[in-house]
Each structure stands twice: as C-alpha cells, then as structure tokens.
Amino acid sequence: MKHWIPSHDTFGRVFAMLDTKALTQCFISWTTALVAASKVKHIAIDEKSLRHSFDHAAEKAMIRMVSAWAVDRTQARLAS
C-alpha cells in the first residue's frame, strides 16, 4: 500500500475475516512471552467498550478494546 491508504470498508472487510479464537490465542501467547522476557511481575489491563459499535442487524457484538501495561510493583502501590 505504497501509494494509498485503505478505506474504512477495506479495514472492515479485513477485520471481519479474522479468526477471533486464533487472535485470542496469539494475544495470550504474546503477553505470556512478554512477561517471561521481562523482570516485570505485573501487567495492568484496561478494557473499554466502544459505545454504539454493535450492529443488531448484522448480529455483531460491541467492539471492546484492551490495553496492557507492564507495571513495576512499587509503581502499582503508589497508584492505588
């Protein structure tokens, strides 16, 4: 895609073709590898649901976004 930016519809088609179970397994493997490779013992996870992202007609569920941060234990104590 050297000379153009994919359209909203193109991204939609690509994301619709993703195997959600395989993507979930890849995410779990990736985060496991990150924890194993680092000295950090805590991962802070934040989930957000995007309002009005569901589609009743197409029976599509709401979009959920997940963020993860490697957190030092002393930083976690200071934040709480």
PDB file of N, CA and C in Angstrom:
ATOM      1  N   MET A   1       0.838  -1.166   0.000  1.00  0.00           N
ATOM      2  CA  MET A   1       0.000   0.000   0.000  1.00  0.00           C
ATOM      3  C   MET A   1       0.892   1.241   0.000  1.00  0.00           C
ATOM      4  N   LYS A   2       1.734   1.275  -0.973  1.00  0.00           N
ATOM      5  CA  LYS A   2       2.734   2.328  -1.049  1.00  0.00           C
ATOM      6  C   LYS A   2       2.131   3.687  -1.394  1.00  0.00           C
ATOM      7  N   HIS A   3       1.085   3.715  -2.220  1.00  0.00           N
ATOM      8  CA  HIS A   3       0.571   4.987  -2.728  1.00  0.00           C
ATOM      9  C   HIS A   3      -0.846   5.315  -2.288  1.00  0.00           C
ATOM     10  N   TRP A   4      -1.439   4.539  -1.372  1.00  0.00           N
ATOM     11  CA  TRP A   4      -2.804   4.835  -0.958  1.00  0.00           C
ATOM     12  C   TRP A   4      -3.053   4.320   0.453  1.00  0.00           C
ATOM     13  N   ILE A   5      -4.072   4.839   1.071  1.00  0.00           N
ATOM     14  CA  ILE A   5      -4.484   4.430   2.411  1.00  0.00           C
ATOM     15  C   ILE A   5      -5.768   3.625   2.259  1.00  0.00           C
ATOM     16  N   PRO A   6      -5.839   2.448   2.869  1.00  0.00           N
ATOM     17  CA  PRO A   6      -7.054   1.645   2.767  1.00  0.00           C
ATOM     18  C   PRO A   6      -8.267   2.390   3.327  1.00  0.00           C
ATOM     19  N   SER A   7      -9.408   2.144   2.742  1.00  0.00           N
ATOM     20  CA  SER A   7     -10.638   2.791   3.190  1.00  0.00           C
ATOM     21  C   SER A   7     -11.173   2.120   4.456  1.00  0.00           C
ATOM     22  N   HIS A   8     -12.122   2.772   5.062  1.00  0.00           N
ATOM     23  CA  HIS A   8     -12.824   2.237   6.228  1.00  0.00           C
ATOM     24  C   HIS A   8     -13.408   0.858   5.889  1.00  0.00           C
ATOM     25  N   ASP A   9     -14.010   0.733   4.706  1.00  0.00           N
ATOM     26  CA  ASP A   9     -14.617  -0.533   4.297  1.00  0.00           C
ATOM     27  C   ASP A   9     -13.578  -1.640   4.140  1.00  0.00           C
ATOM     28  N   THR A  10     -12.397  -1.285   3.636  1.00  0.00           N
ATOM     29  CA  THR A  10     -11.324  -2.278   3.485  1.00  0.00           C
ATOM     30  C   THR A  10     -10.900  -2.799   4.848  1.00  0.00           C
ATOM     31  N   PHE A  11     -10.691  -1.884   5.798  1.00  0.00           N
ATOM     32  CA  PHE A  11     -10.352  -2.327   7.144  1.00  0.00           C
ATOM     33  C   PHE A  11     -11.464  -3.212   7.712  1.00  0.00           C
ATOM     34  N   GLY A  12     -12.704  -2.838   7.492  1.00  0.00           N
ATOM     35  CA  GLY A  12     -13.835  -3.631   7.976  1.00  0.00           C
ATOM     36  C   GLY A  12     -13.825  -5.037   7.415  1.00  0.00           C
ATOM     37  N   ARG A  13     -13.563  -5.171   6.118  1.00  0.00           N
ATOM     38  CA  ARG A  13     -13.514  -6.500   5.496  1.00  0.00           C
ATOM     39  C   ARG A  13     -12.373  -7.341   6.060  1.00  0.00           C
ATOM     40  N   VAL A  14     -11.212  -6.718   6.244  1.00  0.00           N
ATOM     41  CA  VAL A  14     -10.058  -7.447   6.784  1.00  0.00           C
ATOM     42  C   VAL A  14     -10.349  -7.908   8.208  1.00  0.00           C
ATOM     43  N   PHE A  15     -10.854  -7.009   9.056  1.00  0.00           N
ATOM     44  CA  PHE A  15     -11.149  -7.387  10.438  1.00  0.00           C
ATOM     45  C   PHE A  15     -12.256  -8.439  10.516  1.00  0.00           C
ATOM     46  N   ALA A  16     -13.218  -8.395   9.603  1.00  0.00           N
ATOM     47  CA  ALA A  16     -14.296  -9.382   9.598  1.00  0.00           C
ATOM     48  C   ALA A  16     -13.787 -10.778   9.253  1.00  0.00           C
ATOM     49  N   MET A  17     -12.679 -10.850   8.530  1.00  0.00           N
ATOM     50  CA  MET A  17     -12.122 -12.150   8.135  1.00  0.00           C
ATOM     51  C   MET A  17     -11.231 -12.765   9.213  1.00  0.00           C
ATOM     52  N   LEU A  18     -10.889 -12.002  10.236  1.00  0.00           N
ATOM     53  CA  LEU A  18     -10.005 -12.524  11.283  1.00  0.00           C
ATOM     54  C   LEU A  18     -10.689 -13.627  12.073  1.00  0.00           C
ATOM     55  N   ASP A  19      -9.928 -14.626  12.397  1.00  0.00           N
ATOM     56  CA  ASP A  19     -10.398 -15.719  13.246  1.00  0.00           C
ATOM     57  C   ASP A  19     -10.213 -15.270  14.696  1.00  0.00           C
ATOM     58  N   THR A  20     -11.306 -14.952  15.381  1.00  0.00           N
ATOM     59  CA  THR A  20     -11.206 -14.379  16.726  1.00  0.00           C
ATOM     60  C   THR A  20     -10.580 -15.345  17.730  1.00  0.00           C
ATOM     61  N   LYS A  21     -10.823 -16.638  17.583  1.00  0.00           N
ATOM     62  CA  LYS A  21     -10.211 -17.606  18.501  1.00  0.00           C
ATOM     63  C   LYS A  21      -8.698 -17.653  18.303  1.00  0.00           C
ATOM     64  N   ALA A  22      -8.243 -17.628  17.045  1.00  0.00           N
ATOM     65  CA  ALA A  22      -6.802 -17.624  16.764  1.00  0.00           C
ATOM     66  C   ALA A  22      -6.166 -16.329  17.237  1.00  0.00           C
ATOM     67  N   LEU A  23      -6.853 -15.207  17.054  1.00  0.00           N
ATOM     68  CA  LEU A  23      -6.339 -13.917  17.505  1.00  0.00           C
ATOM     69  C   LEU A  23      -6.213 -13.891  19.031  1.00  0.00           C
ATOM     70  N   THR A  24      -7.199 -14.438  19.721  1.00  0.00           N
ATOM     71  CA  THR A  24      -7.151 -14.519  21.183  1.00  0.00           C
ATOM     72  C   THR A  24      -5.966 -15.364  21.628  1.00  0.00           C
ATOM     73  N   GLN A  25      -5.760 -16.492  20.974  1.00  0.00           N
ATOM     74  CA  GLN A  25      -4.643 -17.368  21.329  1.00  0.00           C
ATOM     75  C   GLN A  25      -3.301 -16.682  21.074  1.00  0.00           C
ATOM     76  N   CYS A  26      -3.200 -15.947  19.972  1.00  0.00           N
ATOM     77  CA  CYS A  26      -1.968 -15.187  19.676  1.00  0.00           C
ATOM     78  C   CYS A  26      -1.719 -14.131  20.740  1.00  0.00           C
ATOM     79  N   PHE A  27      -2.777 -13.445  21.165  1.00  0.00           N
ATOM     80  CA  PHE A  27      -2.643 -12.415  22.194  1.00  0.00           C
ATOM     81  C   PHE A  27      -2.151 -13.025  23.505  1.00  0.00           C
ATOM     82  N   ILE A  28      -2.711 -14.149  23.884  1.00  0.00           N
ATOM     83  CA  ILE A  28      -2.296 -14.821  25.118  1.00  0.00           C
ATOM     84  C   ILE A  28      -0.844 -15.254  25.025  1.00  0.00           C
ATOM     85  N   SER A  29      -0.444 -15.823  23.889  1.00  0.00           N
ATOM     86  CA  SER A  29       0.946 -16.249  23.698  1.00  0.00           C
ATOM     87  C   SER A  29       1.901 -15.067  23.746  1.00  0.00           C
ATOM     88  N   TRP A  30       1.503 -13.963  23.118  1.00  0.00           N
ATOM     89  CA  TRP A  30       2.341 -12.769  23.086  1.00  0.00           C
ATOM     90  C   TRP A  30       2.540 -12.200  24.492  1.00  0.00           C
ATOM     91  N   THR A  31       1.448 -12.059  25.251  1.00  0.00           N
ATOM     92  CA  THR A  31       1.576 -11.492  26.591  1.00  0.00           C
ATOM     93  C   THR A  31       2.358 -12.428  27.518  1.00  0.00           C
ATOM     94  N   THR A  32       2.202 -13.729  27.347  1.00  0.00           N
ATOM     95  CA  THR A  32       2.969 -14.696  28.132  1.00  0.00           C
ATOM     96  C   THR A  32       4.458 -14.549  27.837  1.00  0.00           C
ATOM     97  N   ALA A  33       4.799 -14.388  26.558  1.00  0.00           N
ATOM     98  CA  ALA A  33       6.202 -14.208  26.173  1.00  0.00           C
ATOM     99  C   ALA A  33       6.767 -12.901  26.724  1.00  0.00           C
ATOM    100  N   LEU A  34       5.960 -11.831  26.724  1.00  0.00           N
ATOM    101  CA  LEU A  34       6.413 -10.557  27.276  1.00  0.00           C
ATOM    102  C   LEU A  34       6.742 -10.674  28.758  1.00  0.00           C
ATOM    103  N   VAL A  35       5.882 -11.332  29.496  1.00  0.00           N
ATOM    104  CA  VAL A  35       6.102 -11.496  30.935  1.00  0.00           C
ATOM    105  C   VAL A  35       7.346 -12.348  31.177  1.00  0.00           C
ATOM    106  N   ALA A  36       7.510 -13.409  30.407  1.00  0.00           N
ATOM    107  CA  ALA A  36       8.667 -14.296  30.573  1.00  0.00           C
ATOM    108  C   ALA A  36       9.978 -13.576  30.241  1.00  0.00           C
ATOM    109  N   ALA A  37       9.947 -12.665  29.276  1.00  0.00           N
ATOM    110  CA  ALA A  37      11.159 -11.971  28.833  1.00  0.00           C
ATOM    111  C   ALA A  37      11.518 -10.777  29.700  1.00  0.00           C
ATOM    112  N   SER A  38      10.616 -10.337  30.550  1.00  0.00           N
ATOM    113  CA  SER A  38      10.880  -9.145  31.366  1.00  0.00           C
ATOM    114  C   SER A  38      10.968  -9.519  32.836  1.00  0.00           C
ATOM    115  N   LYS A  39      11.449  -8.574  33.618  1.00  0.00           N
ATOM    116  CA  LYS A  39      11.507  -8.776  35.066  1.00  0.00           C
ATOM    117  C   LYS A  39      10.233  -8.282  35.739  1.00  0.00           C
ATOM    118  N   VAL A  40       9.340  -7.713  34.959  1.00  0.00           N
ATOM    119  CA  VAL A  40       8.101  -7.173  35.497  1.00  0.00           C
ATOM    120  C   VAL A  40       7.167  -8.321  35.867  1.00  0.00           C
ATOM    121  N   LYS A  41       6.591  -8.220  37.029  1.00  0.00           N
ATOM    122  CA  LYS A  41       5.706  -9.279  37.521  1.00  0.00           C
ATOM    123  C   LYS A  41       4.232  -8.936  37.379  1.00  0.00           C
ATOM    124  N   HIS A  42       3.932  -7.677  37.059  1.00  0.00           N
ATOM    125  CA  HIS A  42       2.541  -7.252  36.989  1.00  0.00           C
ATOM    126  C   HIS A  42       2.229  -6.632  35.633  1.00  0.00           C
ATOM    127  N   ILE A  43       1.093  -6.982  35.105  1.00  0.00           N
ATOM    128  CA  ILE A  43       0.598  -6.387  33.873  1.00  0.00           C
ATOM    129  C   ILE A  43      -0.755  -5.756  34.212  1.00  0.00           C
ATOM    130  N   ALA A  44      -0.866  -4.447  33.995  1.00  0.00           N
ATOM    131  CA  ALA A  44      -2.135  -3.755  34.228  1.00  0.00           C
ATOM    132  C   ALA A  44      -2.955  -3.845  32.945  1.00  0.00           C
ATOM    133  N   ILE A  45      -4.172  -4.313  33.051  1.00  0.00           N
ATOM    134  CA  ILE A  45      -5.059  -4.490  31.899  1.00  0.00           C
ATOM    135  C   ILE A  45      -6.226  -3.525  32.041  1.00  0.00           C
ATOM    136  N   ASP A  46      -6.562  -2.850  30.936  1.00  0.00           N
ATOM    137  CA  ASP A  46      -7.693  -1.937  30.919  1.00  0.00           C
ATOM    138  C   ASP A  46      -8.553  -2.277  29.711  1.00  0.00           C
ATOM    139  N   GLU A  47      -9.846  -2.424  29.910  1.00  0.00           N
ATOM    140  CA  GLU A  47     -10.777  -2.759  28.820  1.00  0.00           C
ATOM    141  C   GLU A  47     -11.785  -1.639  28.665  1.00  0.00           C
ATOM    142  N   LYS A  48     -12.034  -1.267  27.443  1.00  0.00           N
ATOM    143  CA  LYS A  48     -13.042  -0.256  27.139  1.00  0.00           C
ATOM    144  C   LYS A  48     -14.001  -0.829  26.095  1.00  0.00           C
ATOM    145  N   SER A  49     -15.273  -0.551  26.261  1.00  0.00           N
ATOM    146  CA  SER A  49     -16.284  -0.920  25.269  1.00  0.00           C
ATOM    147  C   SER A  49     -16.655   0.326  24.489  1.00  0.00           C
ATOM    148  N   LEU A  50     -16.606   0.241  23.173  1.00  0.00           N
ATOM    149  CA  LEU A  50     -16.921   1.399  22.344  1.00  0.00           C
ATOM    150  C   LEU A  50     -18.426   1.535  22.191  1.00  0.00           C
ATOM    151  N   ARG A  51     -18.960   2.642  22.649  1.00  0.00           N
ATOM    152  CA  ARG A  51     -20.402   2.870  22.580  1.00  0.00           C
ATOM    153  C   ARG A  51     -20.873   2.862  21.140  1.00  0.00           C
ATOM    154  N   HIS A  52     -22.049   2.332  20.912  1.00  0.00           N
ATOM    155  CA  HIS A  52     -22.713   2.302  19.603  1.00  0.00           C
ATOM    156  C   HIS A  52     -21.916   1.545  18.545  1.00  0.00           C
ATOM    157  N   SER A  53     -21.020   0.630  18.966  1.00  0.00           N
ATOM    158  CA  SER A  53     -20.236  -0.119  17.992  1.00  0.00           C
ATOM    159  C   SER A  53     -20.883  -1.448  17.616  1.00  0.00           C
ATOM    160  N   PHE A  54     -21.968  -1.813  18.279  1.00  0.00           N
ATOM    161  CA  PHE A  54     -22.666  -3.053  17.954  1.00  0.00           C
ATOM    162  C   PHE A  54     -23.536  -2.841  16.717  1.00  0.00           C
ATOM    163  N   ASP A  55     -23.900  -3.928  16.085  1.00  0.00           N
ATOM    164  CA  ASP A  55     -24.757  -3.873  14.892  1.00  0.00           C
ATOM    165  C   ASP A  55     -25.803  -4.971  15.048  1.00  0.00           C
ATOM    166  N   HIS A  56     -26.997  -4.592  15.497  1.00  0.00           N
ATOM    167  CA  HIS A  56     -28.055  -5.584  15.727  1.00  0.00           C
ATOM    168  C   HIS A  56     -28.445  -6.294  14.431  1.00  0.00           C
ATOM    169  N   ALA A  57     -28.530  -5.563  13.340  1.00  0.00           N
ATOM    170  CA  ALA A  57     -28.964  -6.150  12.067  1.00  0.00           C
ATOM    171  C   ALA A  57     -28.000  -7.239  11.603  1.00  0.00           C
ATOM    172  N   ALA A  58     -26.709  -7.009  11.769  1.00  0.00           N
ATOM    173  CA  ALA A  58     -25.704  -7.985  11.329  1.00  0.00           C
ATOM    174  C   ALA A  58     -25.296  -8.930  12.458  1.00  0.00           C
ATOM    175  N   GLU A  59     -25.933  -8.775  13.625  1.00  0.00           N
ATOM    176  CA  GLU A  59     -25.637  -9.590  14.802  1.00  0.00           C
ATOM    177  C   GLU A  59     -24.161  -9.535  15.178  1.00  0.00           C
ATOM    178  N   LYS A  60     -23.585  -8.323  15.128  1.00  0.00           N
ATOM    179  CA  LYS A  60     -22.190  -8.102  15.510  1.00  0.00           C
ATOM    180  C   LYS A  60     -22.144  -7.535  16.919  1.00  0.00           C
ATOM    181  N   ALA A  61     -21.264  -8.066  17.725  1.00  0.00           N
ATOM    182  CA  ALA A  61     -21.150  -7.629  19.114  1.00  0.00           C
ATOM    183  C   ALA A  61     -20.434  -6.286  19.216  1.00  0.00           C
ATOM    184  N   MET A  62     -20.539  -5.686  20.373  1.00  0.00           N
ATOM    185  CA  MET A  62     -19.875  -4.415  20.653  1.00  0.00           C
ATOM    186  C   MET A  62     -18.351  -4.594  20.554  1.00  0.00           C
ATOM    187  N   ILE A  63     -17.661  -3.577  20.086  1.00  0.00           N
ATOM    188  CA  ILE A  63     -16.207  -3.605  19.999  1.00  0.00           C
ATOM    189  C   ILE A  63     -15.633  -3.317  21.376  1.00  0.00           C
ATOM    190  N   ARG A  64     -14.689  -4.139  21.770  1.00  0.00           N
ATOM    191  CA  ARG A  64     -14.012  -3.949  23.039  1.00  0.00           C
ATOM    192  C   ARG A  64     -12.523  -3.761  22.754  1.00  0.00           C
ATOM    193  N   MET A  65     -11.936  -2.783  23.423  1.00  0.00           N
ATOM    194  CA  MET A  65     -10.505  -2.507  23.253  1.00  0.00           C
ATOM    195  C   MET A  65      -9.794  -2.833  24.561  1.00  0.00           C
ATOM    196  N   VAL A  66      -8.653  -3.488  24.452  1.00  0.00           N
ATOM    197  CA  VAL A  66      -7.886  -3.868  25.633  1.00  0.00           C
ATOM    198  C   VAL A  66      -6.507  -3.236  25.542  1.00  0.00           C
ATOM    199  N   SER A  67      -6.082  -2.603  26.639  1.00  0.00           N
ATOM    200  CA  SER A  67      -4.735  -2.046  26.743  1.00  0.00           C
ATOM    201  C   SER A  67      -4.026  -2.759  27.880  1.00  0.00           C
ATOM    202  N   ALA A  68      -2.727  -2.976  27.725  1.00  0.00           N
ATOM    203  CA  ALA A  68      -1.950  -3.640  28.772  1.00  0.00           C
ATOM    204  C   ALA A  68      -0.637  -2.893  28.978  1.00  0.00           C
ATOM    205  N   TRP A  69      -0.256  -2.739  30.249  1.00  0.00           N
ATOM    206  CA  TRP A  69       0.991  -2.070  30.595  1.00  0.00           C
ATOM    207  C   TRP A  69       1.775  -2.950  31.548  1.00  0.00           C
ATOM    208  N   ALA A  70       3.085  -3.036  31.313  1.00  0.00           N
ATOM    209  CA  ALA A  70       3.965  -3.700  32.271  1.00  0.00           C
ATOM    210  C   ALA A  70       4.207  -2.705  33.399  1.00  0.00           C
ATOM    211  N   VAL A  71       3.908  -3.127  34.624  1.00  0.00           N
ATOM    212  CA  VAL A  71       3.959  -2.214  35.760  1.00  0.00           C
ATOM    213  C   VAL A  71       4.897  -2.764  36.823  1.00  0.00           C
ATOM    214  N   ASP A  72       5.796  -1.900  37.283  1.00  0.00           N
ATOM    215  CA  ASP A  72       6.658  -2.244  38.403  1.00  0.00           C
ATOM    216  C   ASP A  72       5.785  -2.312  39.659  1.00  0.00           C
ATOM    217  N   ARG A  73       6.059  -3.237  40.533  1.00  0.00           N
ATOM    218  CA  ARG A  73       5.207  -3.426  41.711  1.00  0.00           C
ATOM    219  C   ARG A  73       5.148  -2.173  42.584  1.00  0.00           C
ATOM    220  N   THR A  74       6.264  -1.444  42.736  1.00  0.00           N
ATOM    221  CA  THR A  74       6.256  -0.237  43.562  1.00  0.00           C
ATOM    222  C   THR A  74       5.411   0.841  42.909  1.00  0.00           C
ATOM    223  N   GLN A  75       5.405   0.911  41.588  1.00  0.00           N
ATOM    224  CA  GLN A  75       4.550   1.879  40.890  1.00  0.00           C
ATOM    225  C   GLN A  75       3.089   1.534  41.120  1.00  0.00           C
ATOM    226  N   ALA A  76       2.752   0.260  41.120  1.00  0.00           N
ATOM    227  CA  ALA A  76       1.371  -0.164  41.314  1.00  0.00           C
ATOM    228  C   ALA A  76       0.889   0.233  42.704  1.00  0.00           C
ATOM    229  N   ARG A  77       1.753   0.122  43.710  1.00  0.00           N
ATOM    230  CA  ARG A  77       1.370   0.502  45.074  1.00  0.00           C
ATOM    231  C   ARG A  77       1.142   1.999  45.183  1.00  0.00           C
ATOM    232  N   LEU A  78       1.980   2.792  44.510  1.00  0.00           N
ATOM    233  CA  LEU A  78       1.845   4.247  44.565  1.00  0.00           C
ATOM    234  C   LEU A  78       0.550   4.705  43.903  1.00  0.00           C
ATOM    235  N   ALA A  79       0.104   4.009  42.865  1.00  0.00           N
ATOM    236  CA  ALA A  79      -1.075   4.414  42.130  1.00  0.00           C
ATOM    237  C   ALA A  79      -2.364   4.121  42.906  1.00  0.00           C
ATOM    238  N   SER A  80      -2.329   3.136  43.789  1.00  0.00           N
ATOM    239  CA  SER A  80      -3.564   2.771  44.496  1.00  0.00           C
ATOM    240  C   SER A  80      -3.742   3.507  45.789  1.00  0.00           C
TER     241      SER A  80
END
